């Protein structure tokens, strides 16, 4: 069998090809530059500054230049009871919100995935809270949670006046559950859309084969739907977890960390320390430790949900 030797393009044709490739490279560089610039400005530079400031006694406004203090901020952090309380509140919030919001979003996605008349109306209704500002939602729910607010009025009417709701946001035992309920209500629509997108990628042939075999709804879900959502559920799990750990706006608007620090989270403590108390170095140490914790949790989740084999 004879092979035909490759023939190089003549120099007259290679020159235009080279210019075309350079134009494509410049075009690609121009299109990616805004994203790279924003990534550097709002992620890389703040992370590097936080890492550097964590080892100094820098203050937000001070005539004295920042000085290197080594691990002093981290030693102070280990003896700070408010940090441990904030850490416990943050993990408490995440431990409840992640399964509750993810599971409820999956149930809603299964419901609105049905091919029935008017399903687009329910998709819109469930998604409306997502496009509403968290600050606006928090203000509205603050009024609803008042002693004479809508929530207690509903409880009183449904129980025929036998049960009177508490002052939700001013009671240490109910303040965090109240924030959890509001946060799940506001965010569940977003993850419903993610689940719905995953459901619509599952081939219908599998469902038809299951129907021919006489599979029940639960069997169809267990052996067809759930395995088909492997990639989607990993994405949902990690994004809900990161969002739960970054809890700040609801606490800042509704309770300001109270009562008795029952709703103070690590992010809220870092912001208060850095801006209200102007201890920039100490706030950077809090942020750095929390970043490592969140990264570790995310890596563990990614490892547990990886594709095996």
C-alpha atoms as a PDB file:
ATOM      1  CA  UNK A   1       0.000   0.000   0.000  1.00  0.00           C
ATOM      2  CA  UNK A   2       1.467   3.310  -0.997  1.00  0.00           C
ATOM      3  CA  UNK A   3       1.110   6.447   1.076  1.00  0.00           C
ATOM      4  CA  UNK A   4       0.936   9.888  -0.380  1.00  0.00           C
ATOM      5  CA  UNK A   5       3.430  12.336   1.251  1.00  0.00           C
ATOM      6  CA  UNK A   6       1.937  15.428   2.821  1.00  0.00           C
ATOM      7  CA  UNK A   7       2.435  18.515   0.756  1.00  0.00           C
ATOM      8  CA  UNK A   8       3.108  21.769   2.648  1.00  0.00           C
ATOM      9  CA  UNK A   9       1.000  24.754   1.725  1.00  0.00           C
ATOM     10  CA  UNK A  10       2.852  27.280  -0.399  1.00  0.00           C
ATOM     11  CA  UNK A  11       4.221  30.354   1.435  1.00  0.00           C
ATOM     12  CA  UNK A  12       1.721  32.567  -0.379  1.00  0.00           C
ATOM     13  CA  UNK A  13      -1.206  30.642   1.277  1.00  0.00           C
ATOM     14  CA  UNK A  14       0.386  30.214   4.716  1.00  0.00           C
ATOM     15  CA  UNK A  15       0.699  33.983   5.273  1.00  0.00           C
ATOM     16  CA  UNK A  16      -3.098  34.690   5.086  1.00  0.00           C
ATOM     17  CA  UNK A  17      -3.764  31.662   7.326  1.00  0.00           C
ATOM     18  CA  UNK A  18      -1.329  32.995   9.909  1.00  0.00           C
ATOM     19  CA  UNK A  19      -2.968  36.439   9.869  1.00  0.00           C
ATOM     20  CA  UNK A  20      -6.413  34.846  10.242  1.00  0.00           C
ATOM     21  CA  UNK A  21      -5.262  32.860  13.264  1.00  0.00           C
ATOM     22  CA  UNK A  22      -3.774  35.977  14.850  1.00  0.00           C
ATOM     23  CA  UNK A  23      -7.054  37.827  14.297  1.00  0.00           C
ATOM     24  CA  UNK A  24      -8.953  34.955  15.889  1.00  0.00           C
ATOM     25  CA  UNK A  25      -6.558  34.971  18.849  1.00  0.00           C
ATOM     26  CA  UNK A  26      -6.924  38.725  19.301  1.00  0.00           C
ATOM     27  CA  UNK A  27     -10.708  38.458  19.039  1.00  0.00           C
ATOM     28  CA  UNK A  28     -10.796  35.686  21.632  1.00  0.00           C
ATOM     29  CA  UNK A  29      -8.490  37.683  23.903  1.00  0.00           C
ATOM     30  CA  UNK A  30     -10.712  40.754  23.560  1.00  0.00           C
ATOM     31  CA  UNK A  31     -13.855  38.770  24.390  1.00  0.00           C
ATOM     32  CA  UNK A  32     -12.371  37.092  27.451  1.00  0.00           C
ATOM     33  CA  UNK A  33     -10.635  40.210  28.799  1.00  0.00           C
ATOM     34  CA  UNK A  34     -13.673  41.751  30.588  1.00  0.00           C
ATOM     35  CA  UNK A  35     -14.356  38.500  32.434  1.00  0.00           C
ATOM     36  CA  UNK A  36     -10.695  38.107  33.390  1.00  0.00           C
ATOM     37  CA  UNK A  37     -10.511  41.737  34.536  1.00  0.00           C
ATOM     38  CA  UNK A  38     -13.616  41.383  36.733  1.00  0.00           C
ATOM     39  CA  UNK A  39     -12.340  38.074  38.106  1.00  0.00           C
ATOM     40  CA  UNK A  40      -9.045  39.686  39.063  1.00  0.00           C
ATOM     41  CA  UNK A  41     -10.726  42.799  40.504  1.00  0.00           C
ATOM     42  CA  UNK A  42     -13.449  41.126  42.578  1.00  0.00           C
ATOM     43  CA  UNK A  43     -11.912  37.753  43.439  1.00  0.00           C
ATOM     44  CA  UNK A  44      -8.153  37.363  43.064  1.00  0.00           C
ATOM     45  CA  UNK A  45      -7.100  40.757  44.457  1.00  0.00           C
ATOM     46  CA  UNK A  46      -9.509  40.662  47.470  1.00  0.00           C
ATOM     47  CA  UNK A  47      -8.400  37.119  48.338  1.00  0.00           C
ATOM     48  CA  UNK A  48      -4.719  38.079  48.158  1.00  0.00           C
ATOM     49  CA  UNK A  49      -5.345  41.237  50.236  1.00  0.00           C
ATOM     50  CA  UNK A  50      -7.353  39.288  52.829  1.00  0.00           C
ATOM     51  CA  UNK A  51      -4.580  36.730  53.099  1.00  0.00           C
ATOM     52  CA  UNK A  52      -1.967  39.468  53.581  1.00  0.00           C
ATOM     53  CA  UNK A  53      -4.031  41.593  56.003  1.00  0.00           C
ATOM     54  CA  UNK A  54      -4.811  38.563  58.194  1.00  0.00           C
ATOM     55  CA  UNK A  55      -1.214  38.697  59.459  1.00  0.00           C
ATOM     56  CA  UNK A  56      -1.261  42.407  60.318  1.00  0.00           C
ATOM     57  CA  UNK A  57      -2.950  44.763  62.800  1.00  0.00           C
ATOM     58  CA  UNK A  58      -4.458  46.852  59.990  1.00  0.00           C
ATOM     59  CA  UNK A  59      -7.455  49.054  60.806  1.00  0.00           C
ATOM     60  CA  UNK A  60      -9.951  50.483  58.347  1.00  0.00           C
ATOM     61  CA  UNK A  61      -9.161  54.102  59.213  1.00  0.00           C
ATOM     62  CA  UNK A  62      -5.959  54.739  61.134  1.00  0.00           C
ATOM     63  CA  UNK A  63      -3.034  57.177  60.853  1.00  0.00           C
ATOM     64  CA  UNK A  64      -0.706  54.373  61.958  1.00  0.00           C
ATOM     65  CA  UNK A  65       0.521  52.068  59.165  1.00  0.00           C
ATOM     66  CA  UNK A  66      -0.322  48.398  59.445  1.00  0.00           C
ATOM     67  CA  UNK A  67       2.337  46.238  61.086  1.00  0.00           C
ATOM     68  CA  UNK A  68       3.063  42.540  60.664  1.00  0.00           C
ATOM     69  CA  UNK A  69       1.850  40.652  63.758  1.00  0.00           C
ATOM     70  CA  UNK A  70       2.321  37.061  62.660  1.00  0.00           C
ATOM     71  CA  UNK A  71      -0.330  34.669  63.990  1.00  0.00           C
ATOM     72  CA  UNK A  72      -1.696  37.037  66.662  1.00  0.00           C
ATOM     73  CA  UNK A  73      -5.073  37.449  64.913  1.00  0.00           C
ATOM     74  CA  UNK A  74      -5.500  33.677  64.679  1.00  0.00           C
ATOM     75  CA  UNK A  75      -4.609  33.205  68.381  1.00  0.00           C
ATOM     76  CA  UNK A  76      -7.213  35.848  69.263  1.00  0.00           C
ATOM     77  CA  UNK A  77      -9.714  34.067  67.049  1.00  0.00           C
ATOM     78  CA  UNK A  78      -9.213  30.770  68.873  1.00  0.00           C
ATOM     79  CA  UNK A  79     -10.080  32.505  72.179  1.00  0.00           C
ATOM     80  CA  UNK A  80     -13.106  34.377  70.773  1.00  0.00           C
ATOM     81  CA  UNK A  81     -16.389  32.798  72.019  1.00  0.00           C
ATOM     82  CA  UNK A  82     -18.406  34.827  69.497  1.00  0.00           C
ATOM     83  CA  UNK A  83     -16.540  33.134  66.639  1.00  0.00           C
ATOM     84  CA  UNK A  84     -17.514  29.675  67.882  1.00  0.00           C
ATOM     85  CA  UNK A  85     -21.103  30.811  68.327  1.00  0.00           C
ATOM     86  CA  UNK A  86     -21.122  32.274  64.818  1.00  0.00           C
ATOM     87  CA  UNK A  87     -19.617  29.080  63.445  1.00  0.00           C
ATOM     88  CA  UNK A  88     -22.271  26.968  65.176  1.00  0.00           C
ATOM     89  CA  UNK A  89     -25.086  29.193  63.857  1.00  0.00           C
ATOM     90  CA  UNK A  90     -23.667  29.026  60.333  1.00  0.00           C
ATOM     91  CA  UNK A  91     -23.417  25.233  60.306  1.00  0.00           C
ATOM     92  CA  UNK A  92     -26.879  24.975  61.905  1.00  0.00           C
ATOM     93  CA  UNK A  93     -28.333  27.119  59.127  1.00  0.00           C
ATOM     94  CA  UNK A  94     -26.542  25.121  56.400  1.00  0.00           C
ATOM     95  CA  UNK A  95     -27.433  21.736  57.916  1.00  0.00           C
ATOM     96  CA  UNK A  96     -31.150  22.581  57.767  1.00  0.00           C
ATOM     97  CA  UNK A  97     -31.311  24.644  54.579  1.00  0.00           C
ATOM     98  CA  UNK A  98     -29.289  22.359  52.273  1.00  0.00           C
ATOM     99  CA  UNK A  99     -31.491  19.223  52.510  1.00  0.00           C
ATOM    100  CA  UNK A 100     -34.745  21.157  53.015  1.00  0.00           C
ATOM    101  CA  UNK A 101     -34.315  23.558  50.111  1.00  0.00           C
ATOM    102  CA  UNK A 102     -32.801  20.948  47.794  1.00  0.00           C
ATOM    103  CA  UNK A 103     -35.535  18.394  48.527  1.00  0.00           C
ATOM    104  CA  UNK A 104     -38.390  20.874  48.255  1.00  0.00           C
ATOM    105  CA  UNK A 105     -36.981  22.210  44.986  1.00  0.00           C
ATOM    106  CA  UNK A 106     -36.848  18.652  43.596  1.00  0.00           C
ATOM    107  CA  UNK A 107     -40.483  18.021  44.579  1.00  0.00           C
ATOM    108  CA  UNK A 108     -41.576  21.253  42.896  1.00  0.00           C
ATOM    109  CA  UNK A 109     -39.538  20.390  39.790  1.00  0.00           C
ATOM    110  CA  UNK A 110     -41.226  16.976  39.549  1.00  0.00           C
ATOM    111  CA  UNK A 111     -44.632  18.651  39.856  1.00  0.00           C
ATOM    112  CA  UNK A 112     -44.023  21.347  37.226  1.00  0.00           C
ATOM    113  CA  UNK A 113     -42.358  18.826  34.895  1.00  0.00           C
ATOM    114  CA  UNK A 114     -45.748  17.231  34.286  1.00  0.00           C
ATOM    115  CA  UNK A 115     -47.308  17.918  30.893  1.00  0.00           C
ATOM    116  CA  UNK A 116     -50.557  19.438  32.109  1.00  0.00           C
ATOM    117  CA  UNK A 117     -52.387  22.614  31.202  1.00  0.00           C
ATOM    118  CA  UNK A 118     -51.328  25.734  33.109  1.00  0.00           C
ATOM    119  CA  UNK A 119     -47.984  24.363  34.315  1.00  0.00           C
ATOM    120  CA  UNK A 120     -46.149  27.488  33.106  1.00  0.00           C
ATOM    121  CA  UNK A 121     -48.215  29.570  35.542  1.00  0.00           C
ATOM    122  CA  UNK A 122     -46.949  27.534  38.508  1.00  0.00           C
ATOM    123  CA  UNK A 123     -43.357  27.681  37.225  1.00  0.00           C
ATOM    124  CA  UNK A 124     -43.630  31.469  37.174  1.00  0.00           C
ATOM    125  CA  UNK A 125     -45.234  31.681  40.614  1.00  0.00           C
ATOM    126  CA  UNK A 126     -42.558  29.482  42.216  1.00  0.00           C
ATOM    127  CA  UNK A 127     -39.761  31.490  40.571  1.00  0.00           C
ATOM    128  CA  UNK A 128     -41.027  35.000  41.441  1.00  0.00           C
ATOM    129  CA  UNK A 129     -39.318  35.168  44.901  1.00  0.00           C
ATOM    130  CA  UNK A 130     -35.929  34.500  43.244  1.00  0.00           C
ATOM    131  CA  UNK A 131     -36.088  37.679  41.152  1.00  0.00           C
ATOM    132  CA  UNK A 132     -37.059  39.758  44.185  1.00  0.00           C
ATOM    133  CA  UNK A 133     -34.257  41.454  46.094  1.00  0.00           C
ATOM    134  CA  UNK A 134     -33.258  39.635  49.269  1.00  0.00           C
ATOM    135  CA  UNK A 135     -33.272  42.950  51.143  1.00  0.00           C
ATOM    136  CA  UNK A 136     -36.857  43.654  50.061  1.00  0.00           C
ATOM    137  CA  UNK A 137     -37.928  40.112  50.947  1.00  0.00           C
ATOM    138  CA  UNK A 138     -36.242  40.391  54.348  1.00  0.00           C
ATOM    139  CA  UNK A 139     -38.013  43.675  55.134  1.00  0.00           C
ATOM    140  CA  UNK A 140     -41.398  42.229  54.186  1.00  0.00           C
ATOM    141  CA  UNK A 141     -40.888  39.086  56.245  1.00  0.00           C
ATOM    142  CA  UNK A 142     -39.736  41.221  59.206  1.00  0.00           C
ATOM    143  CA  UNK A 143     -43.197  42.812  59.255  1.00  0.00           C
ATOM    144  CA  UNK A 144     -44.845  39.413  58.824  1.00  0.00           C
ATOM    145  CA  UNK A 145     -42.897  37.976  61.789  1.00  0.00           C
ATOM    146  CA  UNK A 146     -43.935  40.729  64.208  1.00  0.00           C
ATOM    147  CA  UNK A 147     -46.028  39.865  67.269  1.00  0.00           C
ATOM    148  CA  UNK A 148     -49.135  41.203  65.510  1.00  0.00           C
ATOM    149  CA  UNK A 149     -47.911  40.265  62.014  1.00  0.00           C
ATOM    150  CA  UNK A 150     -49.437  38.118  59.313  1.00  0.00           C
ATOM    151  CA  UNK A 151     -47.790  34.863  60.439  1.00  0.00           C
ATOM    152  CA  UNK A 152     -49.230  35.041  63.956  1.00  0.00           C
ATOM    153  CA  UNK A 153     -52.620  36.103  62.613  1.00  0.00           C
ATOM    154  CA  UNK A 154     -52.688  33.007  60.393  1.00  0.00           C
ATOM    155  CA  UNK A 155     -51.670  30.776  63.302  1.00  0.00           C
ATOM    156  CA  UNK A 156     -54.379  32.285  65.467  1.00  0.00           C
ATOM    157  CA  UNK A 157     -57.096  31.877  62.820  1.00  0.00           C
ATOM    158  CA  UNK A 158     -56.096  28.314  61.902  1.00  0.00           C
ATOM    159  CA  UNK A 159     -56.086  27.262  65.563  1.00  0.00           C
ATOM    160  CA  UNK A 160     -59.396  29.083  66.247  1.00  0.00           C
ATOM    161  CA  UNK A 161     -57.626  31.420  68.654  1.00  0.00           C
ATOM    162  CA  UNK A 162     -56.127  28.656  70.799  1.00  0.00           C
ATOM    163  CA  UNK A 163     -52.513  29.231  69.741  1.00  0.00           C
ATOM    164  CA  UNK A 164     -50.729  32.589  69.683  1.00  0.00           C
ATOM    165  CA  UNK A 165     -47.436  32.779  67.872  1.00  0.00           C
ATOM    166  CA  UNK A 166     -44.272  34.166  69.504  1.00  0.00           C
ATOM    167  CA  UNK A 167     -42.354  37.309  68.659  1.00  0.00           C
ATOM    168  CA  UNK A 168     -40.345  35.338  66.128  1.00  0.00           C
ATOM    169  CA  UNK A 169     -37.320  37.549  65.538  1.00  0.00           C
ATOM    170  CA  UNK A 170     -36.910  38.700  69.155  1.00  0.00           C
ATOM    171  CA  UNK A 171     -36.876  35.213  70.644  1.00  0.00           C
ATOM    172  CA  UNK A 172     -33.490  33.382  70.622  1.00  0.00           C
ATOM    173  CA  UNK A 173     -35.177  30.008  70.111  1.00  0.00           C
ATOM    174  CA  UNK A 174     -37.272  31.078  67.083  1.00  0.00           C
ATOM    175  CA  UNK A 175     -35.145  33.725  65.377  1.00  0.00           C
ATOM    176  CA  UNK A 176     -32.933  31.341  63.374  1.00  0.00           C
ATOM    177  CA  UNK A 177     -35.801  28.992  62.341  1.00  0.00           C
ATOM    178  CA  UNK A 178     -37.682  32.085  61.146  1.00  0.00           C
ATOM    179  CA  UNK A 179     -34.721  33.133  58.982  1.00  0.00           C
ATOM    180  CA  UNK A 180     -34.378  29.570  57.669  1.00  0.00           C
ATOM    181  CA  UNK A 181     -38.028  29.443  56.604  1.00  0.00           C
ATOM    182  CA  UNK A 182     -37.797  32.765  54.794  1.00  0.00           C
ATOM    183  CA  UNK A 183     -34.500  31.815  53.093  1.00  0.00           C
ATOM    184  CA  UNK A 184     -35.881  28.507  51.823  1.00  0.00           C
ATOM    185  CA  UNK A 185     -39.001  30.227  50.483  1.00  0.00           C
ATOM    186  CA  UNK A 186     -36.890  32.809  48.646  1.00  0.00           C
ATOM    187  CA  UNK A 187     -34.323  30.434  47.139  1.00  0.00           C
ATOM    188  CA  UNK A 188     -36.262  27.278  46.351  1.00  0.00           C
ATOM    189  CA  UNK A 189     -37.459  28.536  42.955  1.00  0.00           C
ATOM    190  CA  UNK A 190     -33.917  28.897  41.607  1.00  0.00           C
ATOM    191  CA  UNK A 191     -32.968  25.310  42.367  1.00  0.00           C
ATOM    192  CA  UNK A 192     -36.345  24.116  41.107  1.00  0.00           C
ATOM    193  CA  UNK A 193     -35.293  25.435  37.691  1.00  0.00           C
ATOM    194  CA  UNK A 194     -31.955  23.604  37.945  1.00  0.00           C
ATOM    195  CA  UNK A 195     -33.680  20.335  38.852  1.00  0.00           C
ATOM    196  CA  UNK A 196     -36.198  20.885  36.053  1.00  0.00           C
ATOM    197  CA  UNK A 197     -33.404  21.326  33.514  1.00  0.00           C
ATOM    198  CA  UNK A 198     -31.862  18.070  34.723  1.00  0.00           C
ATOM    199  CA  UNK A 199     -35.174  16.223  34.503  1.00  0.00           C
ATOM    200  CA  UNK A 200     -35.653  17.270  30.900  1.00  0.00           C
ATOM    201  CA  UNK A 201     -32.287  15.789  29.887  1.00  0.00           C
ATOM    202  CA  UNK A 202     -33.345  12.258  30.884  1.00  0.00           C
ATOM    203  CA  UNK A 203     -34.315  10.267  27.748  1.00  0.00           C
ATOM    204  CA  UNK A 204     -38.022   9.440  27.534  1.00  0.00           C
ATOM    205  CA  UNK A 205     -37.104   5.989  26.188  1.00  0.00           C
ATOM    206  CA  UNK A 206     -36.083   4.964  29.695  1.00  0.00           C
ATOM    207  CA  UNK A 207     -39.467   5.925  31.115  1.00  0.00           C
ATOM    208  CA  UNK A 208     -41.272   4.109  28.302  1.00  0.00           C
ATOM    209  CA  UNK A 209     -39.209   0.971  28.954  1.00  0.00           C
ATOM    210  CA  UNK A 210     -40.029   1.234  32.670  1.00  0.00           C
ATOM    211  CA  UNK A 211     -43.743   1.570  31.870  1.00  0.00           C
ATOM    212  CA  UNK A 212     -43.620  -1.533  29.674  1.00  0.00           C
ATOM    213  CA  UNK A 213     -42.041  -3.433  32.578  1.00  0.00           C
ATOM    214  CA  UNK A 214     -44.877  -2.266  34.824  1.00  0.00           C
ATOM    215  CA  UNK A 215     -42.727  -0.081  37.081  1.00  0.00           C
ATOM    216  CA  UNK A 216     -44.475   1.960  39.750  1.00  0.00           C
ATOM    217  CA  UNK A 217     -43.874   5.709  40.184  1.00  0.00           C
ATOM    218  CA  UNK A 218     -41.441   5.101  43.021  1.00  0.00           C
ATOM    219  CA  UNK A 219     -39.483   2.510  41.000  1.00  0.00           C
ATOM    220  CA  UNK A 220     -39.335   4.890  38.027  1.00  0.00           C
ATOM    221  CA  UNK A 221     -37.982   7.616  40.287  1.00  0.00           C
ATOM    222  CA  UNK A 222     -35.455   5.371  42.044  1.00  0.00           C
ATOM    223  CA  UNK A 223     -34.005   3.594  39.007  1.00  0.00           C
ATOM    224  CA  UNK A 224     -34.506   6.137  36.206  1.00  0.00           C
ATOM    225  CA  UNK A 225     -34.932   9.685  37.519  1.00  0.00           C
ATOM    226  CA  UNK A 226     -32.504   9.698  40.439  1.00  0.00           C
ATOM    227  CA  UNK A 227     -29.542   8.142  38.554  1.00  0.00           C
ATOM    228  CA  UNK A 228     -30.218  10.514  35.655  1.00  0.00           C
ATOM    229  CA  UNK A 229     -29.848  13.504  37.992  1.00  0.00           C
ATOM    230  CA  UNK A 230     -26.335  12.616  39.207  1.00  0.00           C
ATOM    231  CA  UNK A 231     -24.611  15.679  37.718  1.00  0.00           C
ATOM    232  CA  UNK A 232     -27.501  17.983  38.555  1.00  0.00           C
ATOM    233  CA  UNK A 233     -27.674  16.997  42.207  1.00  0.00           C
ATOM    234  CA  UNK A 234     -23.929  17.546  42.612  1.00  0.00           C
ATOM    235  CA  UNK A 235     -24.317  21.067  41.253  1.00  0.00           C
ATOM    236  CA  UNK A 236     -27.379  21.759  43.415  1.00  0.00           C
ATOM    237  CA  UNK A 237     -25.717  20.386  46.541  1.00  0.00           C
ATOM    238  CA  UNK A 238     -22.566  22.480  46.176  1.00  0.00           C
ATOM    239  CA  UNK A 239     -24.335  25.732  45.218  1.00  0.00           C
ATOM    240  CA  UNK A 240     -26.856  25.504  48.066  1.00  0.00           C
ATOM    241  CA  UNK A 241     -24.078  24.758  50.534  1.00  0.00           C
ATOM    242  CA  UNK A 242     -21.957  27.715  49.460  1.00  0.00           C
ATOM    243  CA  UNK A 243     -25.001  30.024  49.494  1.00  0.00           C
ATOM    244  CA  UNK A 244     -25.989  28.795  52.962  1.00  0.00           C
ATOM    245  CA  UNK A 245     -22.518  29.394  54.366  1.00  0.00           C
ATOM    246  CA  UNK A 246     -22.540  32.970  53.015  1.00  0.00           C
ATOM    247  CA  UNK A 247     -25.660  33.946  54.977  1.00  0.00           C
ATOM    248  CA  UNK A 248     -25.524  37.690  55.612  1.00  0.00           C
ATOM    249  CA  UNK A 249     -28.281  39.872  54.093  1.00  0.00           C
ATOM    250  CA  UNK A 250     -31.161  38.264  55.991  1.00  0.00           C
ATOM    251  CA  UNK A 251     -29.328  38.564  59.316  1.00  0.00           C
ATOM    252  CA  UNK A 252     -28.243  42.143  58.652  1.00  0.00           C
ATOM    253  CA  UNK A 253     -31.768  43.302  57.785  1.00  0.00           C
ATOM    254  CA  UNK A 254     -33.939  41.211  60.107  1.00  0.00           C
ATOM    255  CA  UNK A 255     -32.033  40.695  63.382  1.00  0.00           C
ATOM    256  CA  UNK A 256     -28.574  42.355  63.217  1.00  0.00           C
ATOM    257  CA  UNK A 257     -27.161  39.169  64.722  1.00  0.00           C
ATOM    258  CA  UNK A 258     -29.516  39.118  67.733  1.00  0.00           C
ATOM    259  CA  UNK A 259     -31.163  38.357  69.978  1.00  0.00           C
ATOM    260  CA  UNK A 260     -28.221  37.316  72.175  1.00  0.00           C
ATOM    261  CA  UNK A 261     -26.132  36.512  69.065  1.00  0.00           C
ATOM    262  CA  UNK A 262     -28.501  33.666  68.194  1.00  0.00           C
ATOM    263  CA  UNK A 263     -28.404  34.591  64.490  1.00  0.00           C
ATOM    264  CA  UNK A 264     -24.842  35.896  64.191  1.00  0.00           C
ATOM    265  CA  UNK A 265     -23.036  34.090  61.379  1.00  0.00           C
ATOM    266  CA  UNK A 266     -19.352  34.045  60.481  1.00  0.00           C
ATOM    267  CA  UNK A 267     -19.818  36.328  57.480  1.00  0.00           C
ATOM    268  CA  UNK A 268     -21.874  38.767  59.547  1.00  0.00           C
ATOM    269  CA  UNK A 269     -19.230  38.761  62.291  1.00  0.00           C
ATOM    270  CA  UNK A 270     -16.457  39.382  59.755  1.00  0.00           C
ATOM    271  CA  UNK A 271     -18.318  42.332  58.222  1.00  0.00           C
ATOM    272  CA  UNK A 272     -19.135  43.833  61.621  1.00  0.00           C
ATOM    273  CA  UNK A 273     -15.552  43.398  62.794  1.00  0.00           C
ATOM    274  CA  UNK A 274     -14.091  44.883  59.639  1.00  0.00           C
ATOM    275  CA  UNK A 275     -16.424  47.867  59.171  1.00  0.00           C
ATOM    276  CA  UNK A 276     -18.244  48.652  62.434  1.00  0.00           C
ATOM    277  CA  UNK A 277     -15.227  47.915  64.658  1.00  0.00           C
ATOM    278  CA  UNK A 278     -12.682  48.800  61.918  1.00  0.00           C
ATOM    279  CA  UNK A 279     -10.441  45.822  62.792  1.00  0.00           C
ATOM    280  CA  UNK A 280      -9.548  44.972  59.223  1.00  0.00           C
ATOM    281  CA  UNK A 281      -6.725  42.584  60.095  1.00  0.00           C
ATOM    282  CA  UNK A 282      -8.833  40.550  62.512  1.00  0.00           C
ATOM    283  CA  UNK A 283     -11.778  40.477  60.072  1.00  0.00           C
ATOM    284  CA  UNK A 284      -9.411  39.176  57.380  1.00  0.00           C
ATOM    285  CA  UNK A 285      -8.289  36.383  59.720  1.00  0.00           C
ATOM    286  CA  UNK A 286     -11.944  35.402  60.288  1.00  0.00           C
ATOM    287  CA  UNK A 287     -12.583  35.409  56.546  1.00  0.00           C
ATOM    288  CA  UNK A 288      -9.461  33.367  55.813  1.00  0.00           C
ATOM    289  CA  UNK A 289     -10.302  30.661  58.355  1.00  0.00           C
ATOM    290  CA  UNK A 290     -13.889  30.514  57.108  1.00  0.00           C
ATOM    291  CA  UNK A 291     -12.709  30.295  53.487  1.00  0.00           C
ATOM    292  CA  UNK A 292     -10.608  27.247  54.359  1.00  0.00           C
ATOM    293  CA  UNK A 293     -13.563  25.615  56.141  1.00  0.00           C
ATOM    294  CA  UNK A 294     -15.965  26.194  53.233  1.00  0.00           C
ATOM    295  CA  UNK A 295     -13.375  24.950  50.746  1.00  0.00           C
ATOM    296  CA  UNK A 296     -12.858  21.794  52.799  1.00  0.00           C
ATOM    297  CA  UNK A 297     -16.609  21.102  52.995  1.00  0.00           C
ATOM    298  CA  UNK A 298     -17.013  21.658  49.247  1.00  0.00           C
ATOM    299  CA  UNK A 299     -14.118  19.315  48.441  1.00  0.00           C
ATOM    300  CA  UNK A 300     -15.576  16.627  50.696  1.00  0.00           C
ATOM    301  CA  UNK A 301     -18.959  16.997  48.973  1.00  0.00           C
ATOM    302  CA  UNK A 302     -17.311  16.798  45.558  1.00  0.00           C
ATOM    303  CA  UNK A 303     -15.405  13.678  46.610  1.00  0.00           C
ATOM    304  CA  UNK A 304     -18.514  11.952  47.969  1.00  0.00           C
ATOM    305  CA  UNK A 305     -20.582  12.765  44.867  1.00  0.00           C
ATOM    306  CA  UNK A 306     -17.899  11.897  42.295  1.00  0.00           C
ATOM    307  CA  UNK A 307     -18.543   9.375  39.557  1.00  0.00           C
ATOM    308  CA  UNK A 308     -17.145   6.023  40.639  1.00  0.00           C
ATOM    309  CA  UNK A 309     -15.592   3.518  38.315  1.00  0.00           C
END
